[in-house]
Every structure is written in C-alpha cells, then in structure tokens.
C-alpha cells in the first residue's frame, strides 16, 4: 500500500504535470489552501487548479522538503517554491506547510498553508 509520505513525494515530483499529480487523488480527494480560498475536489478539479497555477508560474516546483510527522496514513511537512510570476515579473518565494491524509493508496486530503503576504507581493502588479 502506498503511504502518505510516498503520496506527498509523488505529488511534489509531479506537480508540473497536472494530470499525473491529480491522478494521485481519490475520486472525492481534496486539495485545499484555505488561506487563499483555493479548494478542489476530485482529480479533474485538482488538475484544473494546478494547470491554472502553472499558467501563472510556469517554473513552479517544490524543493527543500522537510518531514515533521510521518505515519502510514498521515504526513506533515514543509516545502518551498521559488519561481517567477509571469504577469508581474516578480519572484514567488513561498514555504508551504502541508498535511496529507491518505486513504486506500490515494490522497483523501492535502491541506496546505502559506504566507499570504508573500503571495500577495508576488502576484500583485505594481
């Protein structure tokens, strides 16, 4: 059985390929970033959310993965992104804190928190 840690690593490795990353989610699996009101339920919605992000930040990729809690069905870690936002020409520097809950070898929930001020600076024009 695929563990939560393996799923989170696979998600991070495949985030630049939205269909592959979305395939890791259960049919009712959720990707949510509540601090920026982003919520996607099911693989198709996850794929759309990631595709939209990559349109704005084509070089988006995770790095510096640190695991803080690791059980077979839950993992919590931190990971970073540093990439240019196309519309603003600004660098998006962000550290995410994510908790993943696995069920049946798929992602049931991936909930990520981020620094909204850093996101606002990178995505705002001016």
N, C-alpha and C. Protein backbone atom coordinates (compact mmCIF):
# COMPACT_ATOMS: atom_id res chain seq x y z
N UNK A 1 0.85 -1.19 0.00
CA UNK A 1 0.00 0.00 0.00
C UNK A 1 0.89 1.24 0.00
N UNK A 2 0.50 2.21 -0.77
CA UNK A 2 1.22 3.47 -0.86
C UNK A 2 1.00 4.27 0.42
N UNK A 3 2.08 4.75 1.02
CA UNK A 3 1.97 5.51 2.26
C UNK A 3 1.69 6.99 1.97
N UNK A 4 1.31 7.70 3.00
CA UNK A 4 1.07 9.14 2.88
C UNK A 4 2.33 9.86 2.43
N UNK A 5 3.47 9.49 2.99
CA UNK A 5 4.72 10.13 2.61
C UNK A 5 5.02 9.88 1.13
N UNK A 6 4.82 8.67 0.66
CA UNK A 6 5.05 8.37 -0.75
C UNK A 6 4.12 9.18 -1.65
N UNK A 7 2.88 9.34 -1.22
CA UNK A 7 1.93 10.14 -1.99
C UNK A 7 2.33 11.61 -2.05
N UNK A 8 2.77 12.16 -0.92
CA UNK A 8 3.18 13.56 -0.90
C UNK A 8 4.42 13.76 -1.76
N UNK A 9 5.35 12.83 -1.69
CA UNK A 9 6.54 12.94 -2.53
C UNK A 9 6.17 12.84 -4.01
N UNK A 10 5.27 11.92 -4.35
CA UNK A 10 4.83 11.77 -5.73
C UNK A 10 4.10 13.03 -6.21
N UNK A 11 3.27 13.62 -5.34
CA UNK A 11 2.58 14.86 -5.68
C UNK A 11 3.61 15.96 -5.98
N UNK A 12 4.60 16.11 -5.12
CA UNK A 12 5.61 17.14 -5.32
C UNK A 12 6.41 16.89 -6.59
N UNK A 13 6.75 15.63 -6.85
CA UNK A 13 7.52 15.28 -8.05
C UNK A 13 6.72 15.52 -9.33
N UNK A 14 5.39 15.44 -9.26
CA UNK A 14 4.54 15.53 -10.44
C UNK A 14 3.74 16.81 -10.54
N UNK A 15 3.95 17.78 -9.66
CA UNK A 15 3.13 19.00 -9.65
C UNK A 15 3.20 19.74 -10.98
N UNK A 16 4.29 19.60 -11.72
CA UNK A 16 4.43 20.28 -13.01
C UNK A 16 3.71 19.53 -14.13
N UNK A 17 3.17 18.36 -13.82
CA UNK A 17 2.36 17.58 -14.76
C UNK A 17 1.00 17.38 -14.10
N UNK A 18 0.10 18.35 -14.25
CA UNK A 18 -1.16 18.34 -13.50
C UNK A 18 -1.96 17.05 -13.58
N UNK A 19 -2.03 16.41 -14.73
CA UNK A 19 -2.81 15.17 -14.85
C UNK A 19 -2.20 14.07 -13.97
N UNK A 20 -0.88 13.98 -13.94
CA UNK A 20 -0.22 12.97 -13.12
C UNK A 20 -0.40 13.26 -11.64
N UNK A 21 -0.26 14.52 -11.24
CA UNK A 21 -0.46 14.88 -9.84
C UNK A 21 -1.90 14.64 -9.42
N UNK A 22 -2.84 15.00 -10.27
CA UNK A 22 -4.27 14.83 -9.96
C UNK A 22 -4.66 13.37 -9.84
N UNK A 23 -3.99 12.51 -10.59
CA UNK A 23 -4.30 11.07 -10.55
C UNK A 23 -3.98 10.45 -9.19
N UNK A 24 -3.22 11.14 -8.37
CA UNK A 24 -2.89 10.64 -7.03
C UNK A 24 -4.05 10.84 -6.05
N UNK A 25 -5.04 11.64 -6.42
CA UNK A 25 -6.16 11.96 -5.54
C UNK A 25 -7.29 10.96 -5.71
N UNK A 26 -7.96 10.68 -4.60
CA UNK A 26 -9.16 9.84 -4.64
C UNK A 26 -10.24 10.58 -5.42
N UNK A 27 -11.26 9.86 -5.84
CA UNK A 27 -12.36 10.48 -6.60
C UNK A 27 -12.97 11.65 -5.85
N UNK A 28 -12.99 11.57 -4.52
CA UNK A 28 -13.50 12.67 -3.70
C UNK A 28 -12.38 13.36 -2.92
N UNK A 29 -11.13 13.13 -3.34
CA UNK A 29 -9.98 13.74 -2.67
C UNK A 29 -9.97 15.24 -2.85
N UNK A 30 -9.42 15.93 -1.87
CA UNK A 30 -9.45 17.39 -1.84
C UNK A 30 -8.04 17.96 -1.74
N UNK A 31 -7.79 18.98 -2.55
CA UNK A 31 -6.62 19.83 -2.42
C UNK A 31 -7.15 21.19 -2.00
N UNK A 32 -6.69 21.67 -0.84
CA UNK A 32 -7.18 22.97 -0.40
C UNK A 32 -6.07 23.81 0.21
N UNK A 33 -6.19 25.09 -0.07
CA UNK A 33 -5.31 26.11 0.51
C UNK A 33 -6.25 27.15 1.09
N UNK A 34 -6.71 26.92 2.33
CA UNK A 34 -7.76 27.77 2.89
C UNK A 34 -7.38 29.23 3.03
N UNK A 35 -6.10 29.53 3.20
CA UNK A 35 -5.72 30.93 3.40
C UNK A 35 -5.85 31.76 2.13
N UNK A 36 -5.97 31.10 0.97
CA UNK A 36 -6.17 31.82 -0.29
C UNK A 36 -7.47 31.36 -0.98
N UNK A 37 -8.33 30.74 -0.21
CA UNK A 37 -9.65 30.28 -0.68
C UNK A 37 -9.57 29.41 -1.93
N UNK A 38 -8.57 28.53 -2.00
CA UNK A 38 -8.46 27.57 -3.11
C UNK A 38 -8.93 26.22 -2.62
N UNK A 39 -9.84 25.60 -3.37
CA UNK A 39 -10.41 24.31 -2.97
C UNK A 39 -10.75 23.54 -4.24
N UNK A 40 -10.23 22.33 -4.34
CA UNK A 40 -10.52 21.49 -5.49
C UNK A 40 -10.87 20.10 -4.98
N UNK A 41 -12.01 19.56 -5.45
CA UNK A 41 -12.45 18.22 -5.05
C UNK A 41 -12.48 17.33 -6.28
N UNK A 42 -11.73 16.23 -6.19
CA UNK A 42 -11.67 15.27 -7.28
C UNK A 42 -10.53 15.56 -8.23
N UNK A 43 -10.05 14.51 -8.91
CA UNK A 43 -8.90 14.67 -9.80
C UNK A 43 -9.07 15.74 -10.89
N UNK A 44 -10.23 15.85 -11.50
CA UNK A 44 -10.41 16.85 -12.57
C UNK A 44 -10.25 18.27 -12.03
N UNK A 45 -10.81 18.53 -10.86
CA UNK A 45 -10.70 19.87 -10.26
C UNK A 45 -9.27 20.15 -9.81
N UNK A 46 -8.59 19.13 -9.29
CA UNK A 46 -7.19 19.30 -8.88
C UNK A 46 -6.33 19.61 -10.11
N UNK A 47 -6.56 18.88 -11.18
CA UNK A 47 -5.81 19.12 -12.42
C UNK A 47 -6.04 20.55 -12.92
N UNK A 48 -7.27 21.02 -12.88
CA UNK A 48 -7.58 22.38 -13.32
C UNK A 48 -6.90 23.42 -12.44
N UNK A 49 -6.92 23.22 -11.13
CA UNK A 49 -6.27 24.15 -10.21
C UNK A 49 -4.77 24.23 -10.49
N UNK A 50 -4.13 23.09 -10.64
CA UNK A 50 -2.69 23.06 -10.89
C UNK A 50 -2.35 23.64 -12.26
N UNK A 51 -3.17 23.37 -13.26
CA UNK A 51 -2.94 23.92 -14.60
C UNK A 51 -3.02 25.45 -14.57
N UNK A 52 -3.99 25.97 -13.82
CA UNK A 52 -4.12 27.42 -13.68
C UNK A 52 -2.91 28.03 -13.00
N UNK A 53 -2.42 27.36 -11.98
CA UNK A 53 -1.23 27.85 -11.28
C UNK A 53 -0.02 27.86 -12.21
N UNK A 54 0.16 26.79 -12.96
CA UNK A 54 1.32 26.70 -13.85
C UNK A 54 1.25 27.71 -15.00
N UNK A 55 0.05 28.12 -15.38
CA UNK A 55 -0.09 29.16 -16.39
C UNK A 55 0.47 30.49 -15.87
N UNK A 56 0.34 30.71 -14.58
CA UNK A 56 0.82 31.95 -13.96
C UNK A 56 2.28 31.84 -13.51
N UNK A 57 2.68 30.63 -13.11
CA UNK A 57 4.03 30.41 -12.58
C UNK A 57 4.58 29.14 -13.25
N UNK A 58 5.03 29.25 -14.51
CA UNK A 58 5.42 28.07 -15.27
C UNK A 58 6.56 27.25 -14.65
N UNK A 59 7.46 27.90 -13.90
CA UNK A 59 8.59 27.18 -13.31
C UNK A 59 8.30 26.69 -11.89
N UNK A 60 7.03 26.70 -11.49
CA UNK A 60 6.63 26.26 -10.15
C UNK A 60 7.10 24.83 -9.92
N UNK A 61 7.86 24.64 -8.85
CA UNK A 61 8.27 23.29 -8.43
C UNK A 61 8.66 23.36 -6.96
N UNK A 62 8.43 22.27 -6.28
CA UNK A 62 8.74 22.21 -4.85
C UNK A 62 10.19 21.82 -4.62
N UNK A 63 10.75 22.30 -3.51
CA UNK A 63 12.11 21.95 -3.11
C UNK A 63 12.19 21.99 -1.59
N UNK A 64 13.30 21.53 -1.07
CA UNK A 64 13.59 21.60 0.37
C UNK A 64 12.49 20.96 1.22
N UNK A 65 12.11 19.76 0.90
CA UNK A 65 11.06 19.03 1.61
C UNK A 65 11.58 18.57 2.97
N UNK A 66 10.88 18.96 4.02
CA UNK A 66 11.19 18.53 5.39
C UNK A 66 9.96 17.83 5.95
N UNK A 67 10.15 16.65 6.46
CA UNK A 67 9.05 15.87 7.05
C UNK A 67 9.08 16.04 8.55
N UNK A 68 7.95 16.41 9.13
CA UNK A 68 7.85 16.59 10.58
C UNK A 68 7.05 15.48 11.24
N UNK A 69 6.05 14.96 10.56
CA UNK A 69 5.23 13.86 11.10
C UNK A 69 5.02 12.88 9.95
N UNK A 70 5.24 11.59 10.23
CA UNK A 70 5.11 10.58 9.19
C UNK A 70 4.50 9.31 9.78
N UNK A 71 3.25 9.03 9.42
CA UNK A 71 2.60 7.77 9.77
C UNK A 71 2.12 7.17 8.44
N UNK A 72 1.70 5.92 8.41
CA UNK A 72 1.28 5.34 7.13
C UNK A 72 0.17 6.11 6.42
N UNK A 73 -0.76 6.71 7.18
CA UNK A 73 -1.88 7.39 6.53
C UNK A 73 -1.90 8.90 6.69
N UNK A 74 -0.89 9.47 7.35
CA UNK A 74 -0.82 10.93 7.53
C UNK A 74 0.64 11.37 7.49
N UNK A 75 0.86 12.50 6.85
CA UNK A 75 2.19 13.09 6.82
C UNK A 75 2.04 14.60 6.90
N UNK A 76 2.98 15.23 7.60
CA UNK A 76 3.01 16.68 7.69
C UNK A 76 4.42 17.12 7.38
N UNK A 77 4.55 18.11 6.51
CA UNK A 77 5.87 18.60 6.17
C UNK A 77 5.84 20.02 5.67
N UNK A 78 7.03 20.53 5.41
CA UNK A 78 7.21 21.87 4.84
C UNK A 78 8.01 21.73 3.55
N UNK A 79 7.69 22.59 2.59
CA UNK A 79 8.39 22.58 1.32
C UNK A 79 8.28 23.96 0.71
N UNK A 80 9.25 24.28 -0.12
CA UNK A 80 9.37 25.64 -0.64
C UNK A 80 9.22 25.70 -2.15
N UNK A 81 8.97 26.92 -2.62
CA UNK A 81 8.89 27.23 -4.05
C UNK A 81 9.61 28.55 -4.25
N UNK A 82 10.32 28.66 -5.35
CA UNK A 82 10.91 29.92 -5.76
C UNK A 82 10.85 29.97 -7.29
N UNK A 83 9.94 30.77 -7.82
CA UNK A 83 9.74 30.84 -9.26
C UNK A 83 9.13 32.18 -9.64
N UNK A 84 9.34 32.57 -10.88
CA UNK A 84 8.87 33.85 -11.40
C UNK A 84 7.38 33.79 -11.75
N UNK A 85 6.64 34.84 -11.36
CA UNK A 85 5.24 35.00 -11.75
C UNK A 85 5.24 35.75 -13.08
N UNK A 86 4.69 35.13 -14.12
CA UNK A 86 4.74 35.68 -15.47
C UNK A 86 4.10 37.07 -15.55
N UNK A 87 2.92 37.24 -15.00
CA UNK A 87 2.18 38.50 -15.14
C UNK A 87 2.83 39.69 -14.45
N UNK A 88 3.59 39.43 -13.39
CA UNK A 88 4.17 40.54 -12.62
C UNK A 88 5.68 40.66 -12.77
N UNK A 89 6.33 39.60 -13.22
CA UNK A 89 7.78 39.60 -13.31
C UNK A 89 8.45 39.51 -11.95
N UNK A 90 7.65 39.21 -10.91
CA UNK A 90 8.18 39.13 -9.55
C UNK A 90 8.45 37.67 -9.17
N UNK A 91 9.40 37.51 -8.27
CA UNK A 91 9.74 36.18 -7.77
C UNK A 91 8.73 35.77 -6.70
N UNK A 92 8.20 34.57 -6.85
CA UNK A 92 7.30 33.98 -5.85
C UNK A 92 8.14 33.09 -4.96
N UNK A 93 8.36 33.55 -3.74
CA UNK A 93 9.13 32.79 -2.74
C UNK A 93 8.17 32.40 -1.63
N UNK A 94 8.02 31.11 -1.43
CA UNK A 94 6.99 30.64 -0.53
C UNK A 94 7.43 29.37 0.17
N UNK A 95 7.05 29.25 1.43
CA UNK A 95 7.18 27.99 2.14
C UNK A 95 5.79 27.52 2.49
N UNK A 96 5.48 26.33 2.05
CA UNK A 96 4.18 25.71 2.33
C UNK A 96 4.32 24.78 3.52
N UNK A 97 3.28 24.67 4.32
CA UNK A 97 3.15 23.64 5.35
C UNK A 97 1.95 22.81 4.91
N UNK A 98 2.17 21.53 4.70
CA UNK A 98 1.11 20.69 4.18
C UNK A 98 0.88 19.44 5.01
N UNK A 99 -0.39 19.12 5.18
CA UNK A 99 -0.77 17.86 5.81
C UNK A 99 -1.51 17.04 4.76
N UNK A 100 -1.13 15.79 4.64
CA UNK A 100 -1.76 14.90 3.68
C UNK A 100 -2.34 13.72 4.43
N UNK A 101 -3.60 13.41 4.13
CA UNK A 101 -4.26 12.23 4.69
C UNK A 101 -4.52 11.28 3.53
N UNK A 102 -4.03 10.06 3.68
CA UNK A 102 -4.17 9.04 2.65
C UNK A 102 -5.25 8.04 3.03
N UNK A 103 -5.90 7.53 2.01
CA UNK A 103 -6.91 6.50 2.22
C UNK A 103 -6.94 5.61 0.99
N UNK A 104 -6.74 4.33 1.18
CA UNK A 104 -6.79 3.40 0.05
C UNK A 104 -5.73 3.65 -1.01
N UNK A 105 -4.58 4.15 -0.60
CA UNK A 105 -3.49 4.39 -1.54
C UNK A 105 -3.66 5.65 -2.38
N UNK A 106 -4.59 6.51 -2.01
CA UNK A 106 -4.83 7.77 -2.72
C UNK A 106 -4.85 8.93 -1.73
N UNK A 107 -4.75 10.14 -2.25
CA UNK A 107 -4.83 11.33 -1.40
C UNK A 107 -6.30 11.64 -1.13
N UNK A 108 -6.66 11.58 0.13
CA UNK A 108 -8.02 11.96 0.55
C UNK A 108 -8.09 13.47 0.80
N UNK A 109 -7.01 14.01 1.40
CA UNK A 109 -6.94 15.44 1.68
C UNK A 109 -5.50 15.88 1.66
N UNK A 110 -5.23 16.95 0.95
CA UNK A 110 -3.96 17.66 1.02
C UNK A 110 -4.31 19.11 1.33
N UNK A 111 -4.02 19.52 2.54
CA UNK A 111 -4.33 20.87 3.00
C UNK A 111 -3.02 21.59 3.22
N UNK A 112 -2.85 22.73 2.54
CA UNK A 112 -1.61 23.47 2.60
C UNK A 112 -1.85 24.88 3.11
N UNK A 113 -0.94 25.34 3.94
CA UNK A 113 -0.95 26.71 4.44
C UNK A 113 0.26 27.43 3.84
N UNK A 114 0.11 28.73 3.63
CA UNK A 114 1.19 29.51 3.06
C UNK A 114 1.14 30.93 3.57
N UNK A 115 2.21 31.66 3.31
CA UNK A 115 2.33 33.05 3.72
C UNK A 115 1.57 33.91 2.70
N UNK A 116 0.40 34.38 3.07
CA UNK A 116 -0.44 35.14 2.13
C UNK A 116 0.20 36.48 1.76
N UNK A 117 0.96 37.07 2.65
CA UNK A 117 1.61 38.34 2.32
C UNK A 117 2.66 38.14 1.23
N UNK A 118 3.41 37.06 1.30
CA UNK A 118 4.41 36.77 0.27
C UNK A 118 3.73 36.50 -1.07
N UNK A 119 2.61 35.78 -1.03
CA UNK A 119 1.87 35.52 -2.26
C UNK A 119 1.32 36.82 -2.85
N UNK A 120 0.77 37.67 -2.01
CA UNK A 120 0.21 38.95 -2.49
C UNK A 120 1.29 39.80 -3.13
N UNK A 121 2.46 39.84 -2.54
CA UNK A 121 3.57 40.64 -3.11
C UNK A 121 3.95 40.12 -4.49
N UNK A 122 4.04 38.81 -4.63
CA UNK A 122 4.48 38.21 -5.90
C UNK A 122 3.45 38.34 -7.00
N UNK A 123 2.17 38.25 -6.65
CA UNK A 123 1.12 38.24 -7.66
C UNK A 123 0.50 39.60 -7.93
N UNK A 124 0.86 40.62 -7.12
CA UNK A 124 0.28 41.95 -7.35
C UNK A 124 1.10 42.75 -8.33
N UNK A 125 0.41 43.46 -9.19
CA UNK A 125 1.09 44.32 -10.15
C UNK A 125 1.32 45.66 -9.49
N UNK A 126 2.52 46.14 -9.65
CA UNK A 126 2.81 47.44 -9.06
C UNK A 126 3.82 47.39 -7.96
